[in-house]
N, C-alpha and C. Protein backbone atom coordinates (compact mmCIF):
# COMPACT_ATOMS: atom_id res chain seq x y z
N MET A 1 -10.46 89.59 11.04
CA MET A 1 -10.49 88.81 9.82
C MET A 1 -9.96 87.41 10.12
N SER A 2 -10.65 86.41 9.63
CA SER A 2 -10.23 85.04 9.89
C SER A 2 -9.22 84.56 8.86
N GLU A 3 -8.45 83.58 9.27
CA GLU A 3 -7.46 82.98 8.39
C GLU A 3 -8.16 82.02 7.43
N SER A 4 -7.66 81.92 6.21
CA SER A 4 -8.24 81.03 5.21
C SER A 4 -8.09 79.57 5.62
N TYR A 5 -9.06 78.76 5.22
CA TYR A 5 -9.02 77.33 5.51
C TYR A 5 -7.91 76.66 4.71
N TYR A 6 -7.76 77.08 3.44
CA TYR A 6 -6.68 76.58 2.59
C TYR A 6 -5.71 77.71 2.29
N LYS A 7 -4.45 77.37 2.15
CA LYS A 7 -3.47 78.36 1.72
C LYS A 7 -3.75 78.75 0.27
N TYR A 8 -4.01 77.73 -0.57
CA TYR A 8 -4.37 77.96 -1.98
C TYR A 8 -5.55 77.08 -2.34
N HIS A 9 -6.45 77.66 -3.10
CA HIS A 9 -7.60 76.93 -3.63
C HIS A 9 -7.53 77.08 -5.14
N VAL A 10 -7.37 75.96 -5.84
CA VAL A 10 -7.14 75.97 -7.29
C VAL A 10 -8.35 75.37 -7.99
N PHE A 11 -8.91 76.14 -8.93
CA PHE A 11 -10.07 75.68 -9.68
C PHE A 11 -9.68 75.44 -11.14
N PHE A 12 -9.90 74.22 -11.60
CA PHE A 12 -9.70 73.84 -12.99
C PHE A 12 -11.05 73.89 -13.69
N CYS A 13 -11.18 74.68 -14.72
CA CYS A 13 -12.39 74.63 -15.53
C CYS A 13 -12.38 73.29 -16.27
N THR A 14 -13.43 72.51 -16.07
CA THR A 14 -13.56 71.23 -16.77
C THR A 14 -14.84 71.22 -17.61
N ASN A 15 -15.29 72.39 -17.97
CA ASN A 15 -16.54 72.52 -18.72
C ASN A 15 -16.45 71.88 -20.10
N GLN A 16 -17.54 71.23 -20.49
CA GLN A 16 -17.66 70.67 -21.83
C GLN A 16 -18.86 71.32 -22.50
N ARG A 17 -18.60 72.10 -23.52
CA ARG A 17 -19.69 72.73 -24.27
C ARG A 17 -20.14 71.79 -25.38
N THR A 18 -21.42 71.84 -25.69
CA THR A 18 -21.98 70.96 -26.72
C THR A 18 -22.31 71.70 -28.01
N ASN A 19 -22.06 72.99 -28.05
CA ASN A 19 -22.43 73.78 -29.23
C ASN A 19 -21.24 74.10 -30.13
N CYS A 20 -20.19 73.30 -30.04
CA CYS A 20 -18.98 73.44 -30.86
C CYS A 20 -18.16 74.69 -30.54
N GLU A 21 -18.47 75.38 -29.45
CA GLU A 21 -17.65 76.51 -29.01
C GLU A 21 -16.45 75.97 -28.24
N ALA A 22 -15.41 76.78 -28.17
CA ALA A 22 -14.21 76.38 -27.43
C ALA A 22 -14.55 76.09 -25.97
N CYS A 23 -13.92 75.07 -25.42
CA CYS A 23 -14.11 74.76 -24.00
C CYS A 23 -12.85 74.10 -23.46
N CYS A 24 -12.67 74.21 -22.17
CA CYS A 24 -11.46 73.68 -21.54
C CYS A 24 -11.37 72.17 -21.63
N GLN A 25 -12.48 71.48 -21.56
CA GLN A 25 -12.45 70.03 -21.61
C GLN A 25 -11.92 69.51 -22.95
N ASP A 26 -12.02 70.31 -24.01
CA ASP A 26 -11.44 69.92 -25.30
C ASP A 26 -9.92 69.77 -25.21
N HIS A 27 -9.32 70.30 -24.15
CA HIS A 27 -7.87 70.25 -23.96
C HIS A 27 -7.47 69.29 -22.84
N GLY A 28 -8.37 68.38 -22.48
CA GLY A 28 -8.05 67.39 -21.45
C GLY A 28 -8.02 67.95 -20.05
N ALA A 29 -8.87 68.92 -19.77
CA ALA A 29 -8.85 69.60 -18.47
C ALA A 29 -9.06 68.64 -17.30
N GLN A 30 -9.96 67.68 -17.44
CA GLN A 30 -10.21 66.76 -16.32
C GLN A 30 -8.98 65.93 -15.99
N SER A 31 -8.29 65.43 -16.99
CA SER A 31 -7.10 64.62 -16.71
C SER A 31 -5.98 65.49 -16.12
N MET A 32 -5.89 66.73 -16.53
CA MET A 32 -4.87 67.62 -15.96
C MET A 32 -5.20 67.98 -14.51
N ARG A 33 -6.48 68.15 -14.22
CA ARG A 33 -6.91 68.39 -12.84
C ARG A 33 -6.58 67.17 -11.98
N ASP A 34 -6.86 65.98 -12.51
CA ASP A 34 -6.56 64.75 -11.77
C ASP A 34 -5.06 64.62 -11.52
N TYR A 35 -4.26 64.98 -12.51
CA TYR A 35 -2.80 64.95 -12.37
C TYR A 35 -2.36 65.91 -11.26
N ALA A 36 -2.89 67.14 -11.27
CA ALA A 36 -2.51 68.13 -10.26
C ALA A 36 -2.90 67.66 -8.86
N LYS A 37 -4.10 67.11 -8.73
CA LYS A 37 -4.57 66.63 -7.44
C LYS A 37 -3.65 65.51 -6.91
N LYS A 38 -3.29 64.59 -7.78
CA LYS A 38 -2.39 63.49 -7.41
C LYS A 38 -1.02 64.02 -6.98
N ARG A 39 -0.51 64.96 -7.73
CA ARG A 39 0.82 65.51 -7.41
C ARG A 39 0.81 66.27 -6.09
N ILE A 40 -0.24 67.02 -5.83
CA ILE A 40 -0.35 67.75 -4.56
C ILE A 40 -0.38 66.77 -3.39
N LYS A 41 -1.10 65.67 -3.56
CA LYS A 41 -1.13 64.64 -2.50
C LYS A 41 0.24 64.01 -2.32
N GLU A 42 0.92 63.70 -3.43
CA GLU A 42 2.26 63.10 -3.34
C GLU A 42 3.24 64.01 -2.61
N LEU A 43 3.08 65.32 -2.79
CA LEU A 43 3.96 66.28 -2.14
C LEU A 43 3.55 66.57 -0.70
N GLY A 44 2.41 66.02 -0.27
CA GLY A 44 1.92 66.24 1.09
C GLY A 44 1.39 67.64 1.31
N LEU A 45 0.94 68.29 0.24
CA LEU A 45 0.46 69.67 0.33
C LEU A 45 -1.05 69.78 0.46
N ASN A 46 -1.76 68.66 0.41
CA ASN A 46 -3.22 68.70 0.45
C ASN A 46 -3.72 68.87 1.88
N GLY A 47 -4.99 69.25 2.00
CA GLY A 47 -5.64 69.34 3.31
C GLY A 47 -5.69 70.75 3.86
N PRO A 48 -6.30 70.89 5.04
CA PRO A 48 -6.43 72.21 5.67
C PRO A 48 -5.07 72.91 5.79
N LYS A 49 -5.08 74.18 5.53
CA LYS A 49 -3.87 75.04 5.54
C LYS A 49 -2.92 74.71 4.40
N GLY A 50 -3.34 73.82 3.51
CA GLY A 50 -2.54 73.43 2.36
C GLY A 50 -3.21 73.85 1.07
N VAL A 51 -3.20 72.95 0.11
CA VAL A 51 -3.71 73.23 -1.24
C VAL A 51 -4.92 72.35 -1.51
N ARG A 52 -5.95 72.96 -2.04
CA ARG A 52 -7.14 72.22 -2.48
C ARG A 52 -7.27 72.37 -3.99
N ILE A 53 -7.32 71.24 -4.70
CA ILE A 53 -7.52 71.23 -6.14
C ILE A 53 -8.97 70.85 -6.40
N ASN A 54 -9.70 71.71 -7.12
CA ASN A 54 -11.10 71.47 -7.45
C ASN A 54 -11.34 71.61 -8.93
N GLN A 55 -12.41 70.99 -9.39
CA GLN A 55 -12.89 71.25 -10.74
C GLN A 55 -14.02 72.25 -10.64
N SER A 56 -14.26 72.95 -11.70
CA SER A 56 -15.37 73.90 -11.72
C SER A 56 -16.10 73.77 -13.04
N GLY A 57 -17.26 74.35 -13.08
CA GLY A 57 -17.95 74.52 -14.34
C GLY A 57 -17.26 75.64 -15.09
N CYS A 58 -17.94 76.17 -16.06
CA CYS A 58 -17.35 77.20 -16.92
C CYS A 58 -16.90 78.41 -16.11
N LEU A 59 -15.68 78.83 -16.35
CA LEU A 59 -15.14 80.04 -15.74
C LEU A 59 -15.23 81.23 -16.70
N ASP A 60 -15.87 81.02 -17.84
CA ASP A 60 -16.17 82.05 -18.84
C ASP A 60 -14.93 82.67 -19.48
N ARG A 61 -13.87 81.85 -19.60
CA ARG A 61 -12.66 82.31 -20.28
C ARG A 61 -12.17 81.24 -21.24
N CYS A 62 -13.09 80.47 -21.76
CA CYS A 62 -12.77 79.30 -22.59
C CYS A 62 -11.91 79.65 -23.81
N GLU A 63 -12.09 80.84 -24.34
CA GLU A 63 -11.30 81.23 -25.52
C GLU A 63 -9.82 81.35 -25.20
N LEU A 64 -9.47 81.42 -23.91
CA LEU A 64 -8.08 81.49 -23.47
C LEU A 64 -7.59 80.15 -22.95
N GLY A 65 -8.42 79.18 -22.96
CA GLY A 65 -8.23 77.92 -22.26
C GLY A 65 -7.25 76.96 -22.88
N PRO A 66 -7.04 75.96 -22.08
CA PRO A 66 -7.70 75.68 -20.83
C PRO A 66 -7.23 76.63 -19.73
N VAL A 67 -8.08 76.83 -18.73
CA VAL A 67 -7.76 77.80 -17.69
C VAL A 67 -7.93 77.21 -16.30
N ILE A 68 -7.12 77.76 -15.39
CA ILE A 68 -7.29 77.53 -13.96
C ILE A 68 -7.18 78.88 -13.27
N VAL A 69 -7.72 78.96 -12.07
CA VAL A 69 -7.57 80.16 -11.25
C VAL A 69 -7.16 79.73 -9.86
N VAL A 70 -6.18 80.46 -9.30
CA VAL A 70 -5.63 80.16 -7.98
C VAL A 70 -6.06 81.28 -7.03
N TYR A 71 -6.72 80.87 -5.94
CA TYR A 71 -7.11 81.81 -4.89
C TYR A 71 -6.25 81.56 -3.67
N PRO A 72 -5.95 82.56 -2.86
CA PRO A 72 -6.70 83.80 -2.73
C PRO A 72 -6.25 84.94 -3.65
N GLU A 73 -5.16 84.78 -4.37
CA GLU A 73 -4.65 85.89 -5.19
C GLU A 73 -5.47 86.15 -6.44
N GLU A 74 -6.32 85.20 -6.83
CA GLU A 74 -7.09 85.29 -8.07
C GLU A 74 -6.15 85.38 -9.28
N THR A 75 -5.17 84.47 -9.30
CA THR A 75 -4.22 84.40 -10.40
C THR A 75 -4.73 83.39 -11.42
N TRP A 76 -4.88 83.85 -12.66
CA TRP A 76 -5.38 83.02 -13.75
C TRP A 76 -4.22 82.48 -14.57
N TYR A 77 -4.31 81.19 -14.92
CA TYR A 77 -3.30 80.54 -15.74
C TYR A 77 -3.94 79.77 -16.89
N THR A 78 -3.16 79.59 -17.93
CA THR A 78 -3.45 78.61 -18.95
C THR A 78 -2.33 77.57 -18.89
N TYR A 79 -2.50 76.46 -19.57
CA TYR A 79 -1.49 75.40 -19.56
C TYR A 79 -1.65 74.54 -20.80
N ILE A 80 -0.60 73.79 -21.10
CA ILE A 80 -0.64 72.88 -22.25
C ILE A 80 -0.43 71.43 -21.80
N ASP A 81 0.52 71.23 -20.88
CA ASP A 81 0.91 69.87 -20.55
C ASP A 81 1.28 69.73 -19.07
N HIS A 82 1.73 68.53 -18.70
CA HIS A 82 2.10 68.26 -17.31
C HIS A 82 3.22 69.17 -16.84
N GLN A 83 4.15 69.51 -17.72
CA GLN A 83 5.24 70.40 -17.33
C GLN A 83 4.71 71.76 -16.88
N ASP A 84 3.70 72.27 -17.58
CA ASP A 84 3.10 73.55 -17.18
C ASP A 84 2.44 73.42 -15.80
N ILE A 85 1.72 72.33 -15.57
CA ILE A 85 1.09 72.12 -14.27
C ILE A 85 2.17 71.98 -13.19
N ASP A 86 3.23 71.25 -13.49
CA ASP A 86 4.35 71.13 -12.54
C ASP A 86 4.95 72.49 -12.21
N ASP A 87 5.10 73.34 -13.22
CA ASP A 87 5.65 74.68 -12.99
C ASP A 87 4.74 75.51 -12.08
N ILE A 88 3.44 75.41 -12.28
CA ILE A 88 2.50 76.14 -11.43
C ILE A 88 2.56 75.60 -10.00
N ILE A 89 2.59 74.28 -9.86
CA ILE A 89 2.69 73.69 -8.52
C ILE A 89 4.00 74.08 -7.85
N ASP A 90 5.12 73.84 -8.54
CA ASP A 90 6.43 74.06 -7.93
C ASP A 90 6.70 75.54 -7.64
N ASN A 91 6.32 76.40 -8.54
CA ASN A 91 6.62 77.82 -8.35
C ASN A 91 5.56 78.55 -7.54
N HIS A 92 4.30 78.45 -7.94
CA HIS A 92 3.26 79.22 -7.26
C HIS A 92 2.82 78.57 -5.96
N LEU A 93 2.44 77.29 -6.02
CA LEU A 93 1.84 76.65 -4.84
C LEU A 93 2.86 76.27 -3.78
N VAL A 94 4.09 76.01 -4.17
CA VAL A 94 5.14 75.68 -3.20
C VAL A 94 5.90 76.93 -2.76
N HIS A 95 6.31 77.76 -3.73
CA HIS A 95 7.18 78.90 -3.41
C HIS A 95 6.51 80.26 -3.46
N GLY A 96 5.25 80.33 -3.87
CA GLY A 96 4.52 81.60 -3.87
C GLY A 96 4.88 82.55 -4.99
N SER A 97 5.51 82.05 -6.06
CA SER A 97 5.92 82.89 -7.18
C SER A 97 5.03 82.63 -8.40
N VAL A 98 4.47 83.70 -8.94
CA VAL A 98 3.62 83.58 -10.12
C VAL A 98 4.44 83.11 -11.31
N VAL A 99 3.87 82.22 -12.10
CA VAL A 99 4.53 81.72 -13.32
C VAL A 99 4.08 82.64 -14.46
N GLU A 100 4.86 83.65 -14.72
CA GLU A 100 4.47 84.71 -15.66
C GLU A 100 4.20 84.18 -17.08
N ARG A 101 4.95 83.19 -17.52
CA ARG A 101 4.78 82.71 -18.89
C ARG A 101 3.42 82.04 -19.11
N LEU A 102 2.75 81.62 -18.04
CA LEU A 102 1.45 80.96 -18.14
C LEU A 102 0.31 81.84 -17.63
N ARG A 103 0.64 82.97 -17.07
CA ARG A 103 -0.35 83.85 -16.44
C ARG A 103 -1.22 84.54 -17.48
N LEU A 104 -2.51 84.62 -17.17
CA LEU A 104 -3.46 85.35 -17.99
C LEU A 104 -3.81 86.66 -17.29
N ALA A 105 -4.10 87.68 -18.08
CA ALA A 105 -4.55 88.95 -17.50
C ALA A 105 -5.88 88.73 -16.79
N ASN A 106 -6.12 89.45 -15.70
CA ASN A 106 -7.36 89.30 -14.95
C ASN A 106 -8.56 89.95 -15.63
N SER A 107 -8.33 90.74 -16.64
CA SER A 107 -9.49 91.38 -17.28
C SER A 107 -9.59 90.99 -18.73
């Protein structure tokens, strides 16, 4: 089995629905993704064997949104503000501890 290219791969749903259904972009998902990407770079955690922050299309959990998913563990989170993103970065991506207060069930 080969080693992963990234230690963590984080996907931010940035989907914008046009049919008035709930979507992550209604909660500023793109700006939060940009904030997370900037913070990861500032901490020197980006790049191979580090953390990759990506945007994605719909992750099909918009009713729980906004949502992100962290791989390889497949840990799903919701968030409200920069403090929540900081908690996910500081606890999960730096120290490997799930942020239970923001965690979503996988099913």
